[in-house]
Amino acid sequence: MSSKCATACVMAAIDLTHLVNKTYRTNTADAWWYNGFYVSTAAVVLLISFSDSSMLDPGVMEQARSAWREAMTVLEYLATFRRSASNTLQFLQPAYRQVMVPIDLYQAGVGADANPNFPNNSPGPDTTQIPFFNWDDYLANRGPEFDDLGFLSRLDFPDSLGVDGHDIG
């Protein structure tokens, strides 16, 4: 049952990402903040699915990878004019690398120790050689304009929140 629930969540994220990717630059697109919020939320679900791919069919995983690329395309476009999309990318891209490096190394046949997180208890990567995402460095180097991990921030709506100046997001 948990596998079916996980697959349903991932498929919903995939479908939502495909829909937003097809429409975000058309007249049928919703407001930019909906598109960004939907895609960033779906990307988090996809990221979680990548961290335990054993629960999903390989075909679903390939669809998830395609949806991830679409989500990044949408967010990269939004990041050209909205700070929150840029902030979201600054979080999602390193988190993706953190999750995918062990998987990519495993698929390349790197590693010698048996790892129960990989299919058939086959050898996984030597994770001691993979740099972990360092939250302290991330937070220290994010810059003063990065005020939270949420998709929308006060920088996206300065006038409506009583912030002086113009929209820098």
N, C-alpha and C. Protein backbone atom coordinates (compact mmCIF):
# COMPACT_ATOMS: atom_id res chain seq x y z
N MET A 1 0.82 -1.19 0.00
CA MET A 1 0.00 0.00 0.00
C MET A 1 0.87 1.26 0.00
N SER A 2 1.94 1.25 0.80
CA SER A 2 2.79 2.44 0.84
C SER A 2 3.42 2.71 -0.52
N SER A 3 3.75 1.66 -1.24
CA SER A 3 4.32 1.85 -2.57
C SER A 3 3.30 2.47 -3.52
N LYS A 4 2.06 2.05 -3.42
CA LYS A 4 1.02 2.62 -4.29
C LYS A 4 0.76 4.09 -3.93
N CYS A 5 0.78 4.40 -2.65
CA CYS A 5 0.59 5.80 -2.22
C CYS A 5 1.74 6.67 -2.70
N ALA A 6 2.97 6.15 -2.56
CA ALA A 6 4.14 6.90 -3.02
C ALA A 6 4.06 7.13 -4.53
N THR A 7 3.69 6.10 -5.26
CA THR A 7 3.57 6.23 -6.71
C THR A 7 2.50 7.25 -7.08
N ALA A 8 1.37 7.24 -6.36
CA ALA A 8 0.30 8.20 -6.65
C ALA A 8 0.77 9.64 -6.40
N CYS A 9 1.52 9.85 -5.32
CA CYS A 9 2.04 11.20 -5.03
C CYS A 9 3.02 11.64 -6.10
N VAL A 10 3.90 10.75 -6.48
CA VAL A 10 4.91 11.09 -7.50
C VAL A 10 4.23 11.34 -8.84
N MET A 11 3.24 10.53 -9.19
CA MET A 11 2.54 10.73 -10.46
C MET A 11 1.79 12.07 -10.46
N ALA A 12 1.22 12.45 -9.32
CA ALA A 12 0.55 13.75 -9.24
C ALA A 12 1.57 14.87 -9.44
N ALA A 13 2.74 14.74 -8.84
CA ALA A 13 3.80 15.75 -9.01
C ALA A 13 4.26 15.81 -10.47
N ILE A 14 4.39 14.64 -11.09
CA ILE A 14 4.79 14.58 -12.49
C ILE A 14 3.75 15.26 -13.37
N ASP A 15 2.48 14.91 -13.16
CA ASP A 15 1.40 15.49 -13.98
C ASP A 15 1.31 17.00 -13.79
N LEU A 16 1.42 17.45 -12.55
CA LEU A 16 1.35 18.89 -12.28
C LEU A 16 2.52 19.63 -12.94
N THR A 17 3.70 19.06 -12.85
CA THR A 17 4.87 19.68 -13.47
C THR A 17 4.72 19.75 -14.98
N HIS A 18 4.25 18.67 -15.60
CA HIS A 18 4.03 18.68 -17.05
C HIS A 18 3.02 19.75 -17.45
N LEU A 19 1.94 19.85 -16.69
CA LEU A 19 0.91 20.85 -17.00
C LEU A 19 1.46 22.27 -16.91
N VAL A 20 2.16 22.57 -15.83
CA VAL A 20 2.72 23.92 -15.67
C VAL A 20 3.76 24.17 -16.75
N ASN A 21 4.59 23.19 -17.05
CA ASN A 21 5.63 23.36 -18.06
C ASN A 21 5.01 23.65 -19.44
N LYS A 22 3.90 23.02 -19.73
CA LYS A 22 3.24 23.25 -21.03
C LYS A 22 2.57 24.62 -21.11
N THR A 23 2.19 25.19 -19.97
CA THR A 23 1.37 26.41 -20.02
C THR A 23 2.01 27.67 -19.44
N TYR A 24 3.14 27.57 -18.76
CA TYR A 24 3.63 28.72 -18.00
C TYR A 24 4.00 29.94 -18.84
N ARG A 25 4.23 29.77 -20.11
CA ARG A 25 4.56 30.91 -20.96
C ARG A 25 3.47 31.16 -22.02
N THR A 26 2.27 30.74 -21.71
CA THR A 26 1.15 30.93 -22.64
C THR A 26 0.08 31.81 -22.00
N ASN A 27 -0.93 32.14 -22.79
CA ASN A 27 -2.05 32.93 -22.28
C ASN A 27 -2.91 32.13 -21.31
N THR A 28 -2.79 30.82 -21.33
CA THR A 28 -3.59 29.99 -20.43
C THR A 28 -2.92 29.79 -19.07
N ALA A 29 -1.75 30.36 -18.92
CA ALA A 29 -1.01 30.20 -17.65
C ALA A 29 -1.71 30.93 -16.52
N ASP A 30 -1.59 30.36 -15.35
CA ASP A 30 -2.07 31.03 -14.16
C ASP A 30 -1.05 32.09 -13.76
N ALA A 31 -1.30 32.77 -12.68
CA ALA A 31 -0.36 33.79 -12.19
C ALA A 31 1.00 33.15 -11.92
N TRP A 32 2.06 33.91 -12.08
CA TRP A 32 3.41 33.36 -11.94
C TRP A 32 3.61 32.71 -10.59
N TRP A 33 3.04 33.26 -9.52
CA TRP A 33 3.29 32.70 -8.20
C TRP A 33 2.64 31.34 -8.03
N TYR A 34 1.48 31.11 -8.68
CA TYR A 34 0.90 29.77 -8.63
C TYR A 34 1.80 28.78 -9.35
N ASN A 35 2.22 29.14 -10.55
CA ASN A 35 3.09 28.24 -11.31
C ASN A 35 4.36 27.92 -10.53
N GLY A 36 4.98 28.93 -9.96
CA GLY A 36 6.20 28.71 -9.19
C GLY A 36 5.97 27.88 -7.95
N PHE A 37 4.89 28.17 -7.24
CA PHE A 37 4.59 27.41 -6.03
C PHE A 37 4.28 25.96 -6.37
N TYR A 38 3.45 25.72 -7.39
CA TYR A 38 3.11 24.35 -7.77
C TYR A 38 4.35 23.57 -8.19
N VAL A 39 5.17 24.18 -9.02
CA VAL A 39 6.35 23.48 -9.52
C VAL A 39 7.37 23.25 -8.41
N SER A 40 7.55 24.21 -7.53
CA SER A 40 8.53 24.01 -6.45
C SER A 40 8.05 22.93 -5.48
N THR A 41 6.75 22.89 -5.21
CA THR A 41 6.20 21.85 -4.34
C THR A 41 6.33 20.48 -5.00
N ALA A 42 6.01 20.41 -6.28
CA ALA A 42 6.15 19.15 -7.01
C ALA A 42 7.61 18.70 -7.03
N ALA A 43 8.53 19.65 -7.18
CA ALA A 43 9.95 19.32 -7.20
C ALA A 43 10.40 18.70 -5.87
N VAL A 44 9.86 19.17 -4.77
CA VAL A 44 10.19 18.59 -3.47
C VAL A 44 9.70 17.14 -3.41
N VAL A 45 8.50 16.88 -3.91
CA VAL A 45 7.99 15.51 -3.95
C VAL A 45 8.89 14.64 -4.82
N LEU A 46 9.29 15.17 -5.97
CA LEU A 46 10.19 14.41 -6.86
C LEU A 46 11.52 14.14 -6.17
N LEU A 47 12.04 15.13 -5.49
CA LEU A 47 13.30 14.98 -4.77
C LEU A 47 13.20 13.87 -3.73
N ILE A 48 12.11 13.84 -3.01
CA ILE A 48 11.89 12.78 -2.02
C ILE A 48 11.83 11.42 -2.72
N SER A 49 11.17 11.37 -3.87
CA SER A 49 11.08 10.09 -4.59
C SER A 49 12.45 9.61 -5.05
N PHE A 50 13.33 10.54 -5.39
CA PHE A 50 14.68 10.14 -5.82
C PHE A 50 15.47 9.55 -4.66
N SER A 51 15.16 9.99 -3.46
CA SER A 51 15.94 9.51 -2.30
C SER A 51 15.64 8.07 -1.95
N ASP A 52 14.50 7.52 -2.39
CA ASP A 52 14.20 6.11 -2.16
C ASP A 52 13.51 5.56 -3.40
N SER A 53 14.28 5.38 -4.42
CA SER A 53 13.72 4.96 -5.70
C SER A 53 13.25 3.51 -5.69
N SER A 54 13.55 2.75 -4.65
CA SER A 54 13.15 1.35 -4.62
C SER A 54 11.64 1.18 -4.53
N MET A 55 10.93 2.23 -4.12
CA MET A 55 9.48 2.13 -4.00
C MET A 55 8.77 2.36 -5.33
N LEU A 56 9.50 2.83 -6.33
CA LEU A 56 8.87 3.19 -7.60
C LEU A 56 9.35 2.33 -8.75
N ASP A 57 8.48 2.12 -9.68
CA ASP A 57 8.80 1.42 -10.91
C ASP A 57 9.85 2.22 -11.68
N PRO A 58 10.79 1.56 -12.36
CA PRO A 58 11.81 2.31 -13.12
C PRO A 58 11.21 3.27 -14.15
N GLY A 59 10.08 2.92 -14.75
CA GLY A 59 9.44 3.82 -15.72
C GLY A 59 8.94 5.09 -15.05
N VAL A 60 8.43 4.96 -13.83
CA VAL A 60 7.98 6.14 -13.09
C VAL A 60 9.18 7.00 -12.73
N MET A 61 10.29 6.36 -12.36
CA MET A 61 11.49 7.14 -12.03
C MET A 61 11.99 7.93 -13.23
N GLU A 62 11.91 7.34 -14.41
CA GLU A 62 12.34 8.08 -15.60
C GLU A 62 11.41 9.27 -15.86
N GLN A 63 10.11 9.07 -15.65
CA GLN A 63 9.17 10.17 -15.79
C GLN A 63 9.45 11.25 -14.74
N ALA A 64 9.82 10.83 -13.54
CA ALA A 64 10.13 11.78 -12.47
C ALA A 64 11.36 12.60 -12.83
N ARG A 65 12.36 11.97 -13.41
CA ARG A 65 13.56 12.71 -13.82
C ARG A 65 13.23 13.73 -14.90
N SER A 66 12.37 13.34 -15.83
CA SER A 66 11.94 14.27 -16.88
C SER A 66 11.16 15.44 -16.27
N ALA A 67 10.28 15.13 -15.32
CA ALA A 67 9.51 16.18 -14.65
C ALA A 67 10.44 17.10 -13.87
N TRP A 68 11.48 16.55 -13.26
CA TRP A 68 12.45 17.38 -12.53
C TRP A 68 13.08 18.41 -13.48
N ARG A 69 13.49 17.95 -14.65
CA ARG A 69 14.10 18.86 -15.62
C ARG A 69 13.10 19.95 -16.03
N GLU A 70 11.85 19.57 -16.21
CA GLU A 70 10.83 20.56 -16.55
C GLU A 70 10.63 21.56 -15.42
N ALA A 71 10.61 21.08 -14.20
CA ALA A 71 10.45 21.97 -13.04
C ALA A 71 11.60 22.97 -12.98
N MET A 72 12.82 22.49 -13.22
CA MET A 72 13.97 23.40 -13.19
C MET A 72 13.88 24.42 -14.30
N THR A 73 13.37 24.03 -15.47
CA THR A 73 13.20 24.97 -16.58
C THR A 73 12.23 26.09 -16.20
N VAL A 74 11.11 25.72 -15.60
CA VAL A 74 10.12 26.71 -15.18
C VAL A 74 10.72 27.65 -14.13
N LEU A 75 11.36 27.07 -13.11
CA LEU A 75 11.93 27.90 -12.05
C LEU A 75 13.07 28.78 -12.55
N GLU A 76 13.88 28.27 -13.47
CA GLU A 76 14.95 29.09 -14.04
C GLU A 76 14.37 30.28 -14.79
N TYR A 77 13.28 30.07 -15.52
CA TYR A 77 12.63 31.18 -16.20
C TYR A 77 12.09 32.19 -15.19
N LEU A 78 11.37 31.70 -14.18
CA LEU A 78 10.82 32.61 -13.17
C LEU A 78 11.92 33.34 -12.40
N ALA A 79 13.05 32.68 -12.23
CA ALA A 79 14.16 33.29 -11.48
C ALA A 79 14.73 34.52 -12.19
N THR A 80 14.44 34.66 -13.48
CA THR A 80 14.94 35.84 -14.18
C THR A 80 14.23 37.11 -13.74
N PHE A 81 13.07 36.98 -13.10
CA PHE A 81 12.36 38.17 -12.65
C PHE A 81 11.76 38.05 -11.26
N ARG A 82 11.92 36.94 -10.57
CA ARG A 82 11.39 36.80 -9.22
C ARG A 82 12.42 36.17 -8.29
N ARG A 83 12.69 36.85 -7.20
CA ARG A 83 13.68 36.41 -6.22
C ARG A 83 13.30 35.06 -5.61
N SER A 84 12.03 34.83 -5.33
CA SER A 84 11.65 33.59 -4.67
C SER A 84 11.96 32.37 -5.55
N ALA A 85 11.83 32.50 -6.86
CA ALA A 85 12.18 31.40 -7.74
C ALA A 85 13.69 31.15 -7.69
N SER A 86 14.47 32.21 -7.65
CA SER A 86 15.92 32.07 -7.52
C SER A 86 16.29 31.41 -6.19
N ASN A 87 15.64 31.83 -5.12
CA ASN A 87 15.89 31.24 -3.81
C ASN A 87 15.55 29.76 -3.80
N THR A 88 14.44 29.42 -4.43
CA THR A 88 14.02 28.03 -4.49
C THR A 88 15.05 27.20 -5.25
N LEU A 89 15.54 27.72 -6.34
CA LEU A 89 16.58 27.02 -7.11
C LEU A 89 17.85 26.85 -6.27
N GLN A 90 18.19 27.88 -5.49
CA GLN A 90 19.39 27.80 -4.65
C GLN A 90 19.27 26.70 -3.61
N PHE A 91 18.06 26.32 -3.26
CA PHE A 91 17.85 25.22 -2.33
C PHE A 91 17.74 23.88 -3.06
N LEU A 92 16.91 23.83 -4.12
CA LEU A 92 16.60 22.57 -4.78
C LEU A 92 17.79 21.97 -5.53
N GLN A 93 18.56 22.78 -6.22
CA GLN A 93 19.64 22.22 -7.03
C GLN A 93 20.73 21.55 -6.18
N PRO A 94 21.22 22.15 -5.11
CA PRO A 94 22.19 21.42 -4.28
C PRO A 94 21.57 20.21 -3.58
N ALA A 95 20.30 20.31 -3.20
CA ALA A 95 19.64 19.17 -2.57
C ALA A 95 19.52 18.02 -3.57
N TYR A 96 19.24 18.34 -4.81
CA TYR A 96 19.16 17.32 -5.86
C TYR A 96 20.52 16.63 -6.04
N ARG A 97 21.57 17.43 -6.10
CA ARG A 97 22.90 16.84 -6.25
C ARG A 97 23.22 15.93 -5.06
N GLN A 98 22.81 16.35 -3.88
CA GLN A 98 23.07 15.55 -2.68
C GLN A 98 22.37 14.19 -2.77
N VAL A 99 21.17 14.18 -3.29
CA VAL A 99 20.41 12.94 -3.41
C VAL A 99 20.91 12.11 -4.58
N MET A 100 21.20 12.75 -5.70
CA MET A 100 21.49 12.01 -6.93
C MET A 100 22.92 11.51 -7.06
N VAL A 101 23.88 12.13 -6.42
CA VAL A 101 25.26 11.66 -6.54
C VAL A 101 25.39 10.20 -6.11
N PRO A 102 24.84 9.79 -4.97
CA PRO A 102 24.95 8.37 -4.62
C PRO A 102 24.27 7.46 -5.63
N ILE A 103 23.12 7.87 -6.14
CA ILE A 103 22.40 7.05 -7.11
C ILE A 103 23.18 6.95 -8.41
N ASP A 104 23.71 8.07 -8.88
CA ASP A 104 24.49 8.06 -10.12
C ASP A 104 25.76 7.24 -9.97
N LEU A 105 26.40 7.32 -8.81
CA LEU A 105 27.59 6.51 -8.57
C LEU A 105 27.24 5.03 -8.55
N TYR A 106 26.12 4.69 -7.95
CA TYR A 106 25.70 3.30 -7.91
C TYR A 106 25.47 2.79 -9.32
N GLN A 107 24.75 3.58 -10.13
CA GLN A 107 24.46 3.15 -11.49
C GLN A 107 25.72 3.03 -12.33
N ALA A 108 26.76 3.78 -11.96
CA ALA A 108 28.03 3.70 -12.67
C ALA A 108 28.87 2.53 -12.15
N GLY A 109 28.42 1.85 -11.09
CA GLY A 109 29.14 0.70 -10.57
C GLY A 109 30.24 1.04 -9.60
N VAL A 110 30.20 2.23 -8.99
CA VAL A 110 31.22 2.65 -8.03
C VAL A 110 30.82 2.15 -6.65
N GLY A 111 31.78 1.75 -5.85
CA GLY A 111 31.50 1.35 -4.47
C GLY A 111 31.76 -0.13 -4.26
N ALA A 112 32.08 -0.49 -3.03
CA ALA A 112 32.42 -1.88 -2.77
C ALA A 112 31.62 -2.50 -1.64
N ASP A 113 31.02 -1.71 -0.78
CA ASP A 113 30.30 -2.24 0.36
C ASP A 113 28.85 -2.51 0.01
N ALA A 114 28.29 -3.57 0.57
CA ALA A 114 26.87 -3.85 0.36
C ALA A 114 26.05 -2.74 1.02
N ASN A 115 25.02 -2.33 0.35
CA ASN A 115 24.20 -1.23 0.86
C ASN A 115 22.73 -1.63 0.76
N PRO A 116 22.00 -1.74 1.88
CA PRO A 116 20.62 -2.17 1.83
C PRO A 116 19.69 -1.18 1.13
N ASN A 117 20.14 0.04 0.87
CA ASN A 117 19.31 1.02 0.20
C ASN A 117 19.33 0.86 -1.32
N PHE A 118 20.14 -0.03 -1.81
CA PHE A 118 20.20 -0.25 -3.24
C PHE A 118 19.57 -1.59 -3.57
N PRO A 119 19.04 -1.72 -4.78
CA PRO A 119 18.32 -2.93 -5.16
C PRO A 119 19.13 -4.20 -4.95
N ASN A 120 18.46 -5.24 -4.49
CA ASN A 120 19.05 -6.57 -4.30
C ASN A 120 20.27 -6.56 -3.39
N ASN A 121 20.35 -5.58 -2.50
CA ASN A 121 21.48 -5.47 -1.57
C ASN A 121 22.82 -5.48 -2.31
N SER A 122 22.81 -4.92 -3.50
CA SER A 122 24.04 -4.89 -4.31
C SER A 122 24.95 -3.77 -3.82
N PRO A 123 26.20 -3.79 -4.25
CA PRO A 123 27.12 -2.75 -3.78
C PRO A 123 26.65 -1.36 -4.15
N GLY A 124 26.71 -0.47 -3.21
CA GLY A 124 26.36 0.92 -3.46
C GLY A 124 27.64 1.74 -3.53
N PRO A 125 27.52 3.03 -3.67
CA PRO A 125 28.70 3.88 -3.75
C PRO A 125 29.38 4.01 -2.40
N ASP A 126 30.61 4.39 -2.45
CA ASP A 126 31.34 4.68 -1.21
C ASP A 126 30.93 6.08 -0.79
N THR A 127 29.93 6.15 0.08
CA THR A 127 29.36 7.44 0.44
C THR A 127 30.30 8.28 1.29
N THR A 128 31.39 7.72 1.77
CA THR A 128 32.35 8.52 2.52
C THR A 128 33.07 9.50 1.61
N GLN A 129 33.00 9.28 0.30
CA GLN A 129 33.66 10.15 -0.66
C GLN A 129 32.75 11.23 -1.23
N ILE A 130 31.50 11.24 -0.81
CA ILE A 130 30.52 12.19 -1.33
C ILE A 130 30.39 13.34 -0.35
N PRO A 131 30.62 14.57 -0.80
CA PRO A 131 30.44 15.70 0.11
C PRO A 131 28.97 15.90 0.45
N PHE A 132 28.67 16.03 1.74
CA PHE A 132 27.29 16.24 2.15
C PHE A 132 26.92 17.71 2.05
N PHE A 133 25.67 17.93 1.84
CA PHE A 133 25.15 19.29 1.77
C PHE A 133 25.38 19.94 3.13
N ASN A 134 26.08 21.03 3.16
CA ASN A 134 26.41 21.70 4.41
C ASN A 134 25.47 22.88 4.61
N TRP A 135 24.50 22.71 5.50
CA TRP A 135 23.50 23.74 5.73
C TRP A 135 24.13 25.01 6.29
N ASP A 136 25.14 24.89 7.13
CA ASP A 136 25.76 26.08 7.70
C ASP A 136 26.40 26.94 6.61
N ASP A 137 27.13 26.30 5.69
CA ASP A 137 27.72 27.04 4.57
C ASP A 137 26.63 27.64 3.68
N TYR A 138 25.60 26.86 3.44
CA TYR A 138 24.50 27.32 2.60
C TYR A 138 23.86 28.58 3.19
N LEU A 139 23.55 28.53 4.47
CA LEU A 139 22.91 29.67 5.12
C LEU A 139 23.85 30.87 5.20
N ALA A 140 25.15 30.63 5.42
CA ALA A 140 26.11 31.72 5.53
C ALA A 140 26.35 32.41 4.19
N ASN A 141 26.20 31.69 3.08
CA ASN A 141 26.52 32.24 1.76
C ASN A 141 25.30 32.57 0.91
N ARG A 142 24.14 32.58 1.50
CA ARG A 142 22.94 32.79 0.70
C ARG A 142 22.69 34.25 0.37
N GLY A 143 23.32 35.17 1.04
CA GLY A 143 23.15 36.58 0.74
C GLY A 143 22.05 37.20 1.56
N PRO A 144 22.10 38.51 1.73
CA PRO A 144 21.11 39.20 2.57
C PRO A 144 19.71 39.21 1.97
N GLU A 145 19.59 39.06 0.66
CA GLU A 145 18.27 39.11 0.05
C GLU A 145 17.50 37.81 0.18
N PHE A 146 18.14 36.77 0.64
CA PHE A 146 17.49 35.47 0.79
C PHE A 146 16.91 35.41 2.19
N ASP A 147 15.58 35.55 2.29
CA ASP A 147 15.00 35.67 3.62
C ASP A 147 14.27 34.44 4.12
N ASP A 148 14.02 33.46 3.28
CA ASP A 148 13.37 32.24 3.75
C ASP A 148 13.46 31.17 2.69
N LEU A 149 12.98 29.96 3.04
CA LEU A 149 12.98 28.87 2.07
C LEU A 149 11.65 28.75 1.35
N GLY A 150 10.67 29.55 1.73
CA GLY A 150 9.37 29.50 1.08
C GLY A 150 9.43 30.05 -0.33
N PHE A 151 8.45 29.68 -1.15
CA PHE A 151 8.48 30.16 -2.52
C PHE A 151 8.25 31.66 -2.59
N LEU A 152 7.24 32.17 -1.92
CA LEU A 152 6.97 33.60 -1.96
C LEU A 152 7.61 34.29 -0.77
N SER A 153 8.19 35.42 -1.02
CA SER A 153 8.82 36.18 0.06
C SER A 153 8.36 37.63 -0.03
N ARG A 154 8.68 38.39 0.98
CA ARG A 154 8.30 39.80 0.98
C ARG A 154 8.96 40.54 -0.18
N LEU A 155 10.06 40.03 -0.72
CA LEU A 155 10.73 40.69 -1.82
C LEU A 155 9.94 40.60 -3.12
N ASP A 156 9.00 39.66 -3.19
CA ASP A 156 8.18 39.54 -4.39
C ASP A 156 7.01 40.52 -4.39
N PHE A 157 6.65 41.04 -3.21
CA PHE A 157 5.52 41.95 -3.10
C PHE A 157 5.86 43.11 -2.18
N PRO A 158 6.88 43.90 -2.49
CA PRO A 158 7.31 44.93 -1.54
C PRO A 158 6.27 46.01 -1.28
N ASP A 159 5.56 46.45 -2.30
CA ASP A 159 4.61 47.54 -2.10
C ASP A 159 3.44 47.11 -1.24
N SER A 160 2.95 45.92 -1.41
CA SER A 160 1.78 45.46 -0.68
C SER A 160 2.11 45.15 0.78
N LEU A 161 3.38 44.98 1.10
CA LEU A 161 3.76 44.67 2.47
C LEU A 161 4.43 45.84 3.16
N GLY A 162 4.39 46.99 2.55
CA GLY A 162 4.92 48.18 3.17
C GLY A 162 6.43 48.26 3.18
N VAL A 163 7.08 47.59 2.25
CA VAL A 163 8.52 47.63 2.14
C VAL A 163 8.91 48.79 1.22
N ASP A 164 9.84 49.58 1.63
CA ASP A 164 10.28 50.69 0.80
C ASP A 164 11.01 50.20 -0.44
N GLY A 165 10.96 50.97 -1.48
CA GLY A 165 11.72 50.67 -2.68
C GLY A 165 10.87 49.96 -3.72
N HIS A 166 11.53 49.50 -4.76
CA HIS A 166 10.85 48.85 -5.86
C HIS A 166 11.03 47.35 -5.77
N ASP A 167 10.35 46.65 -6.62
CA ASP A 167 10.39 45.19 -6.63
C ASP A 167 11.76 44.74 -7.12
N ILE A 168 12.53 44.13 -6.24
CA ILE A 168 13.84 43.62 -6.64
C ILE A 168 13.79 42.14 -6.87
N GLY A 169 12.64 41.51 -6.67
CA GLY A 169 12.50 40.06 -6.79
C GLY A 169 12.16 39.71 -8.16
